[in-house]
PDB file of N, CA and C in Angstrom:
ATOM      1  N   MET A   1     170.332 103.514 -13.915  1.00  0.00           N
ATOM      2  CA  MET A   1     171.113 102.311 -14.096  1.00  0.00           C
ATOM      3  C   MET A   1     171.344 102.040 -15.569  1.00  0.00           C
ATOM      4  N   SER A   2     170.330 102.266 -16.387  1.00  0.00           N
ATOM      5  CA  SER A   2     170.475 102.014 -17.817  1.00  0.00           C
ATOM      6  C   SER A   2     171.525 102.926 -18.424  1.00  0.00           C
ATOM      7  N   LEU A   3     171.561 104.168 -17.992  1.00  0.00           N
ATOM      8  CA  LEU A   3     172.570 105.092 -18.492  1.00  0.00           C
ATOM      9  C   LEU A   3     173.966 104.613 -18.115  1.00  0.00           C
ATOM     10  N   ALA A   4     174.129 104.123 -16.904  1.00  0.00           N
ATOM     11  CA  ALA A   4     175.419 103.602 -16.464  1.00  0.00           C
ATOM     12  C   ALA A   4     175.820 102.375 -17.277  1.00  0.00           C
ATOM     13  N   ILE A   5     174.874 101.514 -17.595  1.00  0.00           N
ATOM     14  CA  ILE A   5     175.171 100.325 -18.389  1.00  0.00           C
ATOM     15  C   ILE A   5     175.586 100.710 -19.801  1.00  0.00           C
ATOM     16  N   VAL A   6     174.897 101.675 -20.404  1.00  0.00           N
ATOM     17  CA  VAL A   6     175.269 102.121 -21.753  1.00  0.00           C
ATOM     18  C   VAL A   6     176.693 102.667 -21.751  1.00  0.00           C
ATOM     19  N   VAL A   7     177.024 103.507 -20.789  1.00  0.00           N
ATOM     20  CA  VAL A   7     178.379 104.072 -20.716  1.00  0.00           C
ATOM     21  C   VAL A   7     179.397 102.961 -20.488  1.00  0.00           C
ATOM     22  N   MET A   8     179.065 102.003 -19.629  1.00  0.00           N
ATOM     23  CA  MET A   8     179.977 100.911 -19.334  1.00  0.00           C
ATOM     24  C   MET A   8     180.246 100.049 -20.563  1.00  0.00           C
ATOM     25  N   LEU A   9     179.231  99.816 -21.368  1.00  0.00           N
ATOM     26  CA  LEU A   9     179.399  98.980 -22.547  1.00  0.00           C
ATOM     27  C   LEU A   9     180.131  99.696 -23.674  1.00  0.00           C
ATOM     28  N   LEU A  10     180.081 101.021 -23.705  1.00  0.00           N
ATOM     29  CA  LEU A  10     180.736 101.765 -24.778  1.00  0.00           C
ATOM     30  C   LEU A  10     182.215 102.014 -24.528  1.00  0.00           C
ATOM     31  N   PHE A  11     182.642 102.012 -23.270  1.00  0.00           N
ATOM     32  CA  PHE A  11     184.033 102.329 -22.941  1.00  0.00           C
ATOM     33  C   PHE A  11     184.645 101.189 -22.139  1.00  0.00           C
ATOM     34  N   GLN A  12     185.921 100.924 -22.354  1.00  0.00           N
ATOM     35  CA  GLN A  12     186.592  99.782 -21.726  1.00  0.00           C
ATOM     36  C   GLN A  12     187.271 100.138 -20.408  1.00  0.00           C
ATOM     37  N   SER A  13     187.894 101.290 -20.340  1.00  0.00           N
ATOM     38  CA  SER A  13     188.690 101.673 -19.183  1.00  0.00           C
ATOM     39  C   SER A  13     187.805 102.159 -18.040  1.00  0.00           C
ATOM     40  N   ASP A  14     188.150 101.735 -16.812  1.00  0.00           N
ATOM     41  CA  ASP A  14     187.383 102.176 -15.639  1.00  0.00           C
ATOM     42  C   ASP A  14     187.458 103.685 -15.452  1.00  0.00           C
ATOM     43  N   SER A  15     188.633 104.242 -15.662  1.00  0.00           N
ATOM     44  CA  SER A  15     188.785 105.691 -15.489  1.00  0.00           C
ATOM     45  C   SER A  15     188.001 106.461 -16.555  1.00  0.00           C
ATOM     46  N   MET A  16     187.962 105.929 -17.782  1.00  0.00           N
ATOM     47  CA  MET A  16     187.191 106.580 -18.851  1.00  0.00           C
ATOM     48  C   MET A  16     185.697 106.510 -18.555  1.00  0.00           C
ATOM     49  N   ILE A  17     185.235 105.381 -18.054  1.00  0.00           N
ATOM     50  CA  ILE A  17     183.820 105.226 -17.698  1.00  0.00           C
ATOM     51  C   ILE A  17     183.433 106.240 -16.628  1.00  0.00           C
ATOM     52  N   ALA A  18     184.270 106.363 -15.590  1.00  0.00           N
ATOM     53  CA  ALA A  18     183.977 107.308 -14.506  1.00  0.00           C
ATOM     54  C   ALA A  18     183.973 108.737 -15.010  1.00  0.00           C
ATOM     55  N   ALA A  19     184.944 109.086 -15.854  1.00  0.00           N
ATOM     56  CA  ALA A  19     185.032 110.458 -16.370  1.00  0.00           C
ATOM     57  C   ALA A  19     183.831 110.800 -17.252  1.00  0.00           C
ATOM     58  N   ILE A  20     183.464 109.899 -18.157  1.00  0.00           N
ATOM     59  CA  ILE A  20     182.329 110.148 -19.060  1.00  0.00           C
ATOM     60  C   ILE A  20     181.031 110.235 -18.265  1.00  0.00           C
ATOM     61  N   PHE A  21     180.845 109.336 -17.327  1.00  0.00           N
ATOM     62  CA  PHE A  21     179.609 109.319 -16.549  1.00  0.00           C
ATOM     63  C   PHE A  21     179.481 110.584 -15.701  1.00  0.00           C
ATOM     64  N   GLN A  22     180.542 110.973 -15.026  1.00  0.00           N
ATOM     65  CA  GLN A  22     180.501 112.173 -14.196  1.00  0.00           C
ATOM     66  C   GLN A  22     180.327 113.429 -15.032  1.00  0.00           C
ATOM     67  N   THR A  23     180.978 113.482 -16.190  1.00  0.00           N
ATOM     68  CA  THR A  23     180.803 114.632 -17.080  1.00  0.00           C
ATOM     69  C   THR A  23     179.363 114.711 -17.575  1.00  0.00           C
ATOM     70  N   GLY A  24     178.801 113.573 -17.945  1.00  0.00           N
ATOM     71  CA  GLY A  24     177.413 113.544 -18.405  1.00  0.00           C
ATOM     72  C   GLY A  24     176.442 114.013 -17.339  1.00  0.00           C
ATOM     73  N   ILE A  25     176.670 113.596 -16.105  1.00  0.00           N
ATOM     74  CA  ILE A  25     175.803 114.025 -15.009  1.00  0.00           C
ATOM     75  C   ILE A  25     175.908 115.529 -14.793  1.00  0.00           C
ATOM     76  N   MET A  26     177.128 116.051 -14.831  1.00  0.00           N
ATOM     77  CA  MET A  26     177.320 117.498 -14.649  1.00  0.00           C
ATOM     78  C   MET A  26     176.633 118.292 -15.764  1.00  0.00           C
ATOM     79  N   ILE A  27     176.761 117.825 -17.000  1.00  0.00           N
ATOM     80  CA  ILE A  27     176.133 118.521 -18.134  1.00  0.00           C
ATOM     81  C   ILE A  27     174.619 118.477 -18.009  1.00  0.00           C
ATOM     82  N   MET A  28     174.061 117.299 -17.657  1.00  0.00           N
ATOM     83  CA  MET A  28     172.607 117.208 -17.506  1.00  0.00           C
ATOM     84  C   MET A  28     172.106 118.078 -16.363  1.00  0.00           C
ATOM     85  N   THR A  29     172.871 118.141 -15.273  1.00  0.00           N
ATOM     86  CA  THR A  29     172.475 118.986 -14.144  1.00  0.00           C
ATOM     87  C   THR A  29     172.490 120.453 -14.548  1.00  0.00           C
ATOM     88  N   PHE A  30     173.517 120.877 -15.291  1.00  0.00           N
ATOM     89  CA  PHE A  30     173.579 122.266 -15.754  1.00  0.00           C
ATOM     90  C   PHE A  30     172.414 122.576 -16.683  1.00  0.00           C
ATOM     91  N   LEU A  31     172.164 121.701 -17.669  1.00  0.00           N
ATOM     92  CA  LEU A  31     171.110 121.953 -18.650  1.00  0.00           C
ATOM     93  C   LEU A  31     169.717 121.931 -18.032  1.00  0.00           C
ATOM     94  N   SER A  32     169.539 121.186 -16.944  1.00  0.00           N
ATOM     95  CA  SER A  32     168.215 121.124 -16.327  1.00  0.00           C
ATOM     96  C   SER A  32     167.986 122.259 -15.342  1.00  0.00           C
ATOM     97  N   GLY A  33     168.999 123.107 -15.133  1.00  0.00           N
ATOM     98  CA  GLY A  33     168.847 124.224 -14.211  1.00  0.00           C
ATOM     99  C   GLY A  33     169.154 123.846 -12.783  1.00  0.00           C
ATOM    100  N   GLY A  34     169.934 122.803 -12.575  1.00  0.00           N
ATOM    101  CA  GLY A  34     170.244 122.337 -11.235  1.00  0.00           C
ATOM    102  C   GLY A  34     171.224 123.229 -10.487  1.00  0.00           C
ATOM    103  N   PHE A  35     172.072 123.952 -11.203  1.00  0.00           N
ATOM    104  CA  PHE A  35     173.037 124.839 -10.556  1.00  0.00           C
ATOM    105  C   PHE A  35     172.480 126.249 -10.406  1.00  0.00           C
ATOM    106  N   THR A  36     171.836 126.727 -11.441  1.00  0.00           N
ATOM    107  CA  THR A  36     171.232 128.054 -11.430  1.00  0.00           C
ATOM    108  C   THR A  36     170.082 128.050 -12.430  1.00  0.00           C
ATOM    109  N   PRO A  37     169.012 128.765 -12.161  1.00  0.00           N
ATOM    110  CA  PRO A  37     167.902 128.794 -13.120  1.00  0.00           C
ATOM    111  C   PRO A  37     168.371 129.340 -14.466  1.00  0.00           C
ATOM    112  N   LEU A  38     167.974 128.668 -15.526  1.00  0.00           N
ATOM    113  CA  LEU A  38     168.359 129.085 -16.862  1.00  0.00           C
ATOM    114  C   LEU A  38     167.319 130.045 -17.438  1.00  0.00           C
ATOM    115  N   PRO A  39     167.780 131.046 -18.194  1.00  0.00           N
ATOM    116  CA  PRO A  39     166.817 131.946 -18.846  1.00  0.00           C
ATOM    117  C   PRO A  39     166.094 131.213 -19.972  1.00  0.00           C
ATOM    118  N   ASP A  40     164.942 131.734 -20.334  1.00  0.00           N
ATOM    119  CA  ASP A  40     164.201 131.139 -21.445  1.00  0.00           C
ATOM    120  C   ASP A  40     165.064 131.189 -22.698  1.00  0.00           C
ATOM    121  N   GLY A  41     164.991 130.133 -23.455  1.00  0.00           N
ATOM    122  CA  GLY A  41     165.776 130.075 -24.680  1.00  0.00           C
ATOM    123  C   GLY A  41     166.182 128.649 -24.997  1.00  0.00           C
ATOM    124  N   PHE A  42     167.231 128.545 -25.792  1.00  0.00           N
ATOM    125  CA  PHE A  42     167.669 127.254 -26.296  1.00  0.00           C
ATOM    126  C   PHE A  42     168.105 126.306 -25.179  1.00  0.00           C
ATOM    127  N   LEU A  43     168.911 126.792 -24.225  1.00  0.00           N
ATOM    128  CA  LEU A  43     169.398 125.922 -23.155  1.00  0.00           C
ATOM    129  C   LEU A  43     168.260 125.362 -22.311  1.00  0.00           C
ATOM    130  N   LYS A  44     167.261 126.170 -22.055  1.00  0.00           N
ATOM    131  CA  LYS A  44     166.125 125.706 -21.257  1.00  0.00           C
ATOM    132  C   LYS A  44     165.330 124.635 -22.013  1.00  0.00           C
ATOM    133  N   GLN A  45     165.232 124.779 -23.325  1.00  0.00           N
ATOM    134  CA  GLN A  45     164.534 123.773 -24.122  1.00  0.00           C
ATOM    135  C   GLN A  45     165.310 122.464 -24.150  1.00  0.00           C
ATOM    136  N   VAL A  46     166.628 122.542 -24.269  1.00  0.00           N
ATOM    137  CA  VAL A  46     167.462 121.341 -24.260  1.00  0.00           C
ATOM    138  C   VAL A  46     167.378 120.660 -22.902  1.00  0.00           C
ATOM    139  N   GLY A  47     167.317 121.435 -21.833  1.00  0.00           N
ATOM    140  CA  GLY A  47     167.244 120.891 -20.487  1.00  0.00           C
ATOM    141  C   GLY A  47     166.022 120.046 -20.236  1.00  0.00           C
ATOM    142  N   SER A  48     164.944 120.289 -20.966  1.00  0.00           N
ATOM    143  CA  SER A  48     163.728 119.502 -20.753  1.00  0.00           C
ATOM    144  C   SER A  48     163.848 118.086 -21.305  1.00  0.00           C
ATOM    145  N   TYR A  49     164.972 117.759 -21.937  1.00  0.00           N
ATOM    146  CA  TYR A  49     165.203 116.406 -22.440  1.00  0.00           C
ATOM    147  C   TYR A  49     166.173 115.620 -21.557  1.00  0.00           C
ATOM    148  N   THR A  50     166.472 116.111 -20.373  1.00  0.00           N
ATOM    149  CA  THR A  50     167.418 115.426 -19.498  1.00  0.00           C
ATOM    150  C   THR A  50     166.689 114.674 -18.393  1.00  0.00           C
ATOM    151  N   LEU A  51     167.359 113.660 -17.871  1.00  0.00           N
ATOM    152  CA  LEU A  51     166.794 112.884 -16.769  1.00  0.00           C
ATOM    153  C   LEU A  51     166.628 113.743 -15.519  1.00  0.00           C
ATOM    154  N   ASN A  52     167.596 114.613 -15.275  1.00  0.00           N
ATOM    155  CA  ASN A  52     167.545 115.466 -14.082  1.00  0.00           C
ATOM    156  C   ASN A  52     166.313 116.363 -14.082  1.00  0.00           C
ATOM    157  N   TYR A  53     165.973 116.921 -15.219  1.00  0.00           N
ATOM    158  CA  TYR A  53     164.832 117.830 -15.316  1.00  0.00           C
ATOM    159  C   TYR A  53     163.549 117.128 -14.872  1.00  0.00           C
ATOM    160  N   TRP A  54     163.301 115.945 -15.421  1.00  0.00           N
ATOM    161  CA  TRP A  54     162.049 115.257 -15.111  1.00  0.00           C
ATOM    162  C   TRP A  54     162.036 114.722 -13.695  1.00  0.00           C
ATOM    163  N   GLY A  55     163.197 114.311 -13.187  1.00  0.00           N
ATOM    164  CA  GLY A  55     163.270 113.885 -11.792  1.00  0.00           C
ATOM    165  C   GLY A  55     162.967 115.025 -10.842  1.00  0.00           C
ATOM    166  N   MET A  56     163.551 116.187 -11.118  1.00  0.00           N
ATOM    167  CA  MET A  56     163.314 117.342 -10.248  1.00  0.00           C
ATOM    168  C   MET A  56     161.885 117.863 -10.378  1.00  0.00           C
ATOM    169  N   GLN A  57     161.329 117.821 -11.571  1.00  0.00           N
ATOM    170  CA  GLN A  57     159.943 118.274 -11.735  1.00  0.00           C
ATOM    171  C   GLN A  57     158.985 117.414 -10.916  1.00  0.00           C
ATOM    172  N   SER A  58     159.214 116.108 -10.910  1.00  0.00           N
ATOM    173  CA  SER A  58     158.327 115.243 -10.119  1.00  0.00           C
ATOM    174  C   SER A  58     158.483 115.525  -8.630  1.00  0.00           C
ATOM    175  N   MET A  59     159.727 115.782  -8.189  1.00  0.00           N
ATOM    176  CA  MET A  59     159.932 116.109  -6.774  1.00  0.00           C
ATOM    177  C   MET A  59     159.302 117.454  -6.415  1.00  0.00           C
ATOM    178  N   PHE A  60     159.422 118.441  -7.302  1.00  0.00           N
ATOM    179  CA  PHE A  60     158.804 119.748  -7.054  1.00  0.00           C
ATOM    180  C   PHE A  60     157.291 119.619  -6.945  1.00  0.00           C
ATOM    181  N   GLN A  61     156.690 118.832  -7.818  1.00  0.00           N
ATOM    182  CA  GLN A  61     155.242 118.661  -7.793  1.00  0.00           C
ATOM    183  C   GLN A  61     154.800 117.996  -6.491  1.00  0.00           C
ATOM    184  N   LEU A  62     155.598 117.039  -6.003  1.00  0.00           N
ATOM    185  CA  LEU A  62     155.283 116.415  -4.713  1.00  0.00           C
ATOM    186  C   LEU A  62     155.391 117.422  -3.575  1.00  0.00           C
ATOM    187  N   MET A  63     156.448 118.244  -3.593  1.00  0.00           N
ATOM    188  CA  MET A  63     156.638 119.232  -2.529  1.00  0.00           C
ATOM    189  C   MET A  63     155.544 120.291  -2.539  1.00  0.00           C
ATOM    190  N   LEU A  64     155.040 120.631  -3.722  1.00  0.00           N
ATOM    191  CA  LEU A  64     153.991 121.632  -3.826  1.00  0.00           C
ATOM    192  C   LEU A  64     152.609 121.062  -3.491  1.00  0.00           C
ATOM    193  N   GLY A  65     152.527 119.759  -3.331  1.00  0.00           N
ATOM    194  CA  GLY A  65     151.256 119.141  -2.965  1.00  0.00           C
ATOM    195  C   GLY A  65     150.280 119.069  -4.121  1.00  0.00           C
ATOM    196  N   ASN A  66     150.776 119.013  -5.344  1.00  0.00           N
ATOM    197  CA  ASN A  66     149.897 118.921  -6.509  1.00  0.00           C
ATOM    198  C   ASN A  66     149.287 117.534  -6.623  1.00  0.00           C
ATOM    199  N   GLU A  67     148.368 117.411  -7.546  1.00  0.00           N
ATOM    200  CA  GLU A  67     147.646 116.155  -7.738  1.00  0.00           C
ATOM    201  C   GLU A  67     148.605 115.045  -8.146  1.00  0.00           C
ATOM    202  N   THR A  68     148.224 113.830  -7.813  1.00  0.00           N
ATOM    203  CA  THR A  68     149.072 112.683  -8.146  1.00  0.00           C
ATOM    204  C   THR A  68     149.147 112.445  -9.649  1.00  0.00           C
ATOM    205  N   SER A  69     148.154 112.899 -10.395  1.00  0.00           N
ATOM    206  CA  SER A  69     148.194 112.713 -11.848  1.00  0.00           C
ATOM    207  C   SER A  69     149.328 113.532 -12.473  1.00  0.00           C
ATOM    208  N   ILE A  70     149.616 114.701 -11.917  1.00  0.00           N
ATOM    209  CA  ILE A  70     150.709 115.524 -12.423  1.00  0.00           C
ATOM    210  C   ILE A  70     152.047 114.857 -12.123  1.00  0.00           C
ATOM    211  N   VAL A  71     152.176 114.340 -10.901  1.00  0.00           N
ATOM    212  CA  VAL A  71     153.402 113.636 -10.521  1.00  0.00           C
ATOM    213  C   VAL A  71     153.557 112.376 -11.367  1.00  0.00           C
ATOM    214  N   ALA A  72     152.458 111.666 -11.580  1.00  0.00           N
ATOM    215  CA  ALA A  72     152.497 110.439 -12.380  1.00  0.00           C
ATOM    216  C   ALA A  72     152.928 110.734 -13.812  1.00  0.00           C
ATOM    217  N   HIS A  73     152.527 111.878 -14.347  1.00  0.00           N
ATOM    218  CA  HIS A  73     152.938 112.264 -15.701  1.00  0.00           C
ATOM    219  C   HIS A  73     154.460 112.387 -15.784  1.00  0.00           C
ATOM    220  N   HIS A  74     155.057 113.057 -14.810  1.00  0.00           N
ATOM    221  CA  HIS A  74     156.514 113.214 -14.804  1.00  0.00           C
ATOM    222  C   HIS A  74     157.213 111.871 -14.601  1.00  0.00           C
ATOM    223  N   LEU A  75     156.663 111.038 -13.747  1.00  0.00           N
ATOM    224  CA  LEU A  75     157.253 109.722 -13.529  1.00  0.00           C
ATOM    225  C   LEU A  75     157.114 108.832 -14.754  1.00  0.00           C
ATOM    226  N   LEU A  76     156.017 108.974 -15.482  1.00  0.00           N
ATOM    227  CA  LEU A  76     155.831 108.201 -16.714  1.00  0.00           C
ATOM    228  C   LEU A  76     156.896 108.565 -17.744  1.00  0.00           C
ATOM    229  N   ILE A  77     157.223 109.832 -17.846  1.00  0.00           N
ATOM    230  CA  ILE A  77     158.275 110.250 -18.776  1.00  0.00           C
ATOM    231  C   ILE A  77     159.615 109.670 -18.343  1.00  0.00           C
ATOM    232  N   LEU A  78     159.895 109.643 -17.037  1.00  0.00           N
ATOM    233  CA  LEU A  78     161.124 109.020 -16.544  1.00  0.00           C
ATOM    234  C   LEU A  78     161.150 107.523 -16.862  1.00  0.00           C
ATOM    235  N   VAL A  79     160.026 106.853 -16.724  1.00  0.00           N
ATOM    236  CA  VAL A  79     159.947 105.432 -17.043  1.00  0.00           C
ATOM    237  C   VAL A  79     160.214 105.207 -18.532  1.00  0.00           C
ATOM    238  N   CYS A  80     159.652 106.059 -19.384  1.00  0.00           N
ATOM    239  CA  CYS A  80     159.892 105.942 -20.823  1.00  0.00           C
ATOM    240  C   CYS A  80     161.369 106.145 -21.153  1.00  0.00           C
ATOM    241  N   MET A  81     162.012 107.107 -20.494  1.00  0.00           N
ATOM    242  CA  MET A  81     163.444 107.312 -20.706  1.00  0.00           C
ATOM    243  C   MET A  81     164.238 106.092 -20.248  1.00  0.00           C
ATOM    244  N   ALA A  82     163.855 105.507 -19.124  1.00  0.00           N
ATOM    245  CA  ALA A  82     164.547 104.318 -18.616  1.00  0.00           C
ATOM    246  C   ALA A  82     164.382 103.142 -19.573  1.00  0.00           C
ATOM    247  N   ILE A  83     163.199 102.979 -20.126  1.00  0.00           N
ATOM    248  CA  ILE A  83     162.968 101.899 -21.085  1.00  0.00           C
ATOM    249  C   ILE A  83     163.801 102.124 -22.338  1.00  0.00           C
ATOM    250  N   GLY A  84     163.836 103.372 -22.821  1.00  0.00           N
ATOM    251  CA  GLY A  84     164.645 103.684 -24.001  1.00  0.00           C
ATOM    252  C   GLY A  84     166.126 103.416 -23.768  1.00  0.00           C
ATOM    253  N   LEU A  85     166.633 103.842 -22.621  1.00  0.00           N
ATOM    254  CA  LEU A  85     168.038 103.588 -22.307  1.00  0.00           C
ATOM    255  C   LEU A  85     168.303 102.095 -22.124  1.00  0.00           C
ATOM    256  N   SER A  86     167.347 101.373 -21.577  1.00  0.00           N
ATOM    257  CA  SER A  86     167.505  99.921 -21.438  1.00  0.00           C
ATOM    258  C   SER A  86     167.570  99.242 -22.800  1.00  0.00           C
ATOM    259  N   LEU A  87     166.748  99.699 -23.728  1.00  0.00           N
ATOM    260  CA  LEU A  87     166.792  99.136 -25.081  1.00  0.00           C
ATOM    261  C   LEU A  87     168.132  99.436 -25.757  1.00  0.00           C
ATOM    262  N   ILE A  88     168.629 100.648 -25.579  1.00  0.00           N
ATOM    263  CA  ILE A  88     169.940 100.992 -26.137  1.00  0.00           C
ATOM    264  C   ILE A  88     171.022 100.112 -25.522  1.00  0.00           C
ATOM    265  N   ALA A  89     170.965  99.924 -24.204  1.00  0.00           N
ATOM    266  CA  ALA A  89     171.949  99.071 -23.533  1.00  0.00           C
ATOM    267  C   ALA A  89     171.862  97.636 -24.052  1.00  0.00           C
ATOM    268  N   PHE A  90     170.665  97.141 -24.258  1.00  0.00           N
ATOM    269  CA  PHE A  90     170.486  95.788 -24.783  1.00  0.00           C
ATOM    270  C   PHE A  90     171.071  95.666 -26.184  1.00  0.00           C
ATOM    271  N   LEU A  91     170.811  96.662 -27.041  1.00  0.00           N
ATOM    272  CA  LEU A  91     171.333  96.615 -28.408  1.00  0.00           C
ATOM    273  C   LEU A  91     172.853  96.706 -28.436  1.00  0.00           C
ATOM    274  N   VAL A  92     173.421  97.576 -27.626  1.00  0.00           N
ATOM    275  CA  VAL A  92     174.878  97.695 -27.573  1.00  0.00           C
ATOM    276  C   VAL A  92     175.475  96.414 -27.020  1.00  0.00           C
ATOM    277  N   TYR A  93     174.849  95.820 -26.040  1.00  0.00           N
ATOM    278  CA  TYR A  93     175.322  94.576 -25.437  1.00  0.00           C
ATOM    279  C   TYR A  93     175.362  93.456 -26.472  1.00  0.00           C
ATOM    280  N   ARG A  94     174.319  93.344 -27.262  1.00  0.00           N
ATOM    281  CA  ARG A  94     174.254  92.290 -28.283  1.00  0.00           C
ATOM    282  C   ARG A  94     175.262  92.532 -29.389  1.00  0.00           C
ATOM    283  N   LYS A  95     175.421  93.784 -29.832  1.00  0.00           N
ATOM    284  CA  LYS A  95     176.371  94.088 -30.905  1.00  0.00           C
ATOM    285  C   LYS A  95     177.812  93.907 -30.457  1.00  0.00           C
ATOM    286  N   GLY A  96     178.065  94.148 -29.185  1.00  0.00           N
ATOM    287  CA  GLY A  96     179.433  94.048 -28.672  1.00  0.00           C
ATOM    288  C   GLY A  96     179.915  92.622 -28.493  1.00  0.00           C
ATOM    289  N   GLY A  97     179.020  91.664 -28.551  1.00  0.00           N
ATOM    290  CA  GLY A  97     179.412  90.276 -28.387  1.00  0.00           C
ATOM    291  C   GLY A  97     179.706  89.907 -26.948  1.00  0.00           C
ATOM    292  N   TYR A  98     179.138  90.622 -26.001  1.00  0.00           N
ATOM    293  CA  TYR A  98     179.415  90.358 -24.588  1.00  0.00           C
ATOM    294  C   TYR A  98     178.653  89.140 -24.072  1.00  0.00           C
ATOM    295  N   HIS A  99     177.732  88.624 -24.857  1.00  0.00           N
ATOM    296  CA  HIS A  99     176.887  87.516 -24.405  1.00  0.00           C
ATOM    297  C   HIS A  99     177.556  86.157 -24.551  1.00  0.00           C
ATOM    298  N   GLU A 100     178.786  86.096 -25.025  1.00  0.00           N
ATOM    299  CA  GLU A 100     179.467  84.821 -25.244  1.00  0.00           C
ATOM    300  C   GLU A 100     179.884  84.178 -23.954  1.00  0.00           C
TER     301      GLU A 100
END
């Protein structure tokens, strides 16, 4: 939701918001290995900074029946990303003058 709010606050047109958001999701899915496993290297390292990567890692850990502490670690990283995106959305909201 925070990512959607940031995109919404940065762009005015509905069609531009939809295009940017969908493009961003596709890029994050590609970088996280959602379409095909990525070979070791730069792309795989970049993929570990996406929301999709951490979401899928937590789901994989649940499916594999691993300890809850491992799943909690992945969820904690997702929570930190959500908080960071929320702070960015708050700052953009205040700078944009939308609170009037």
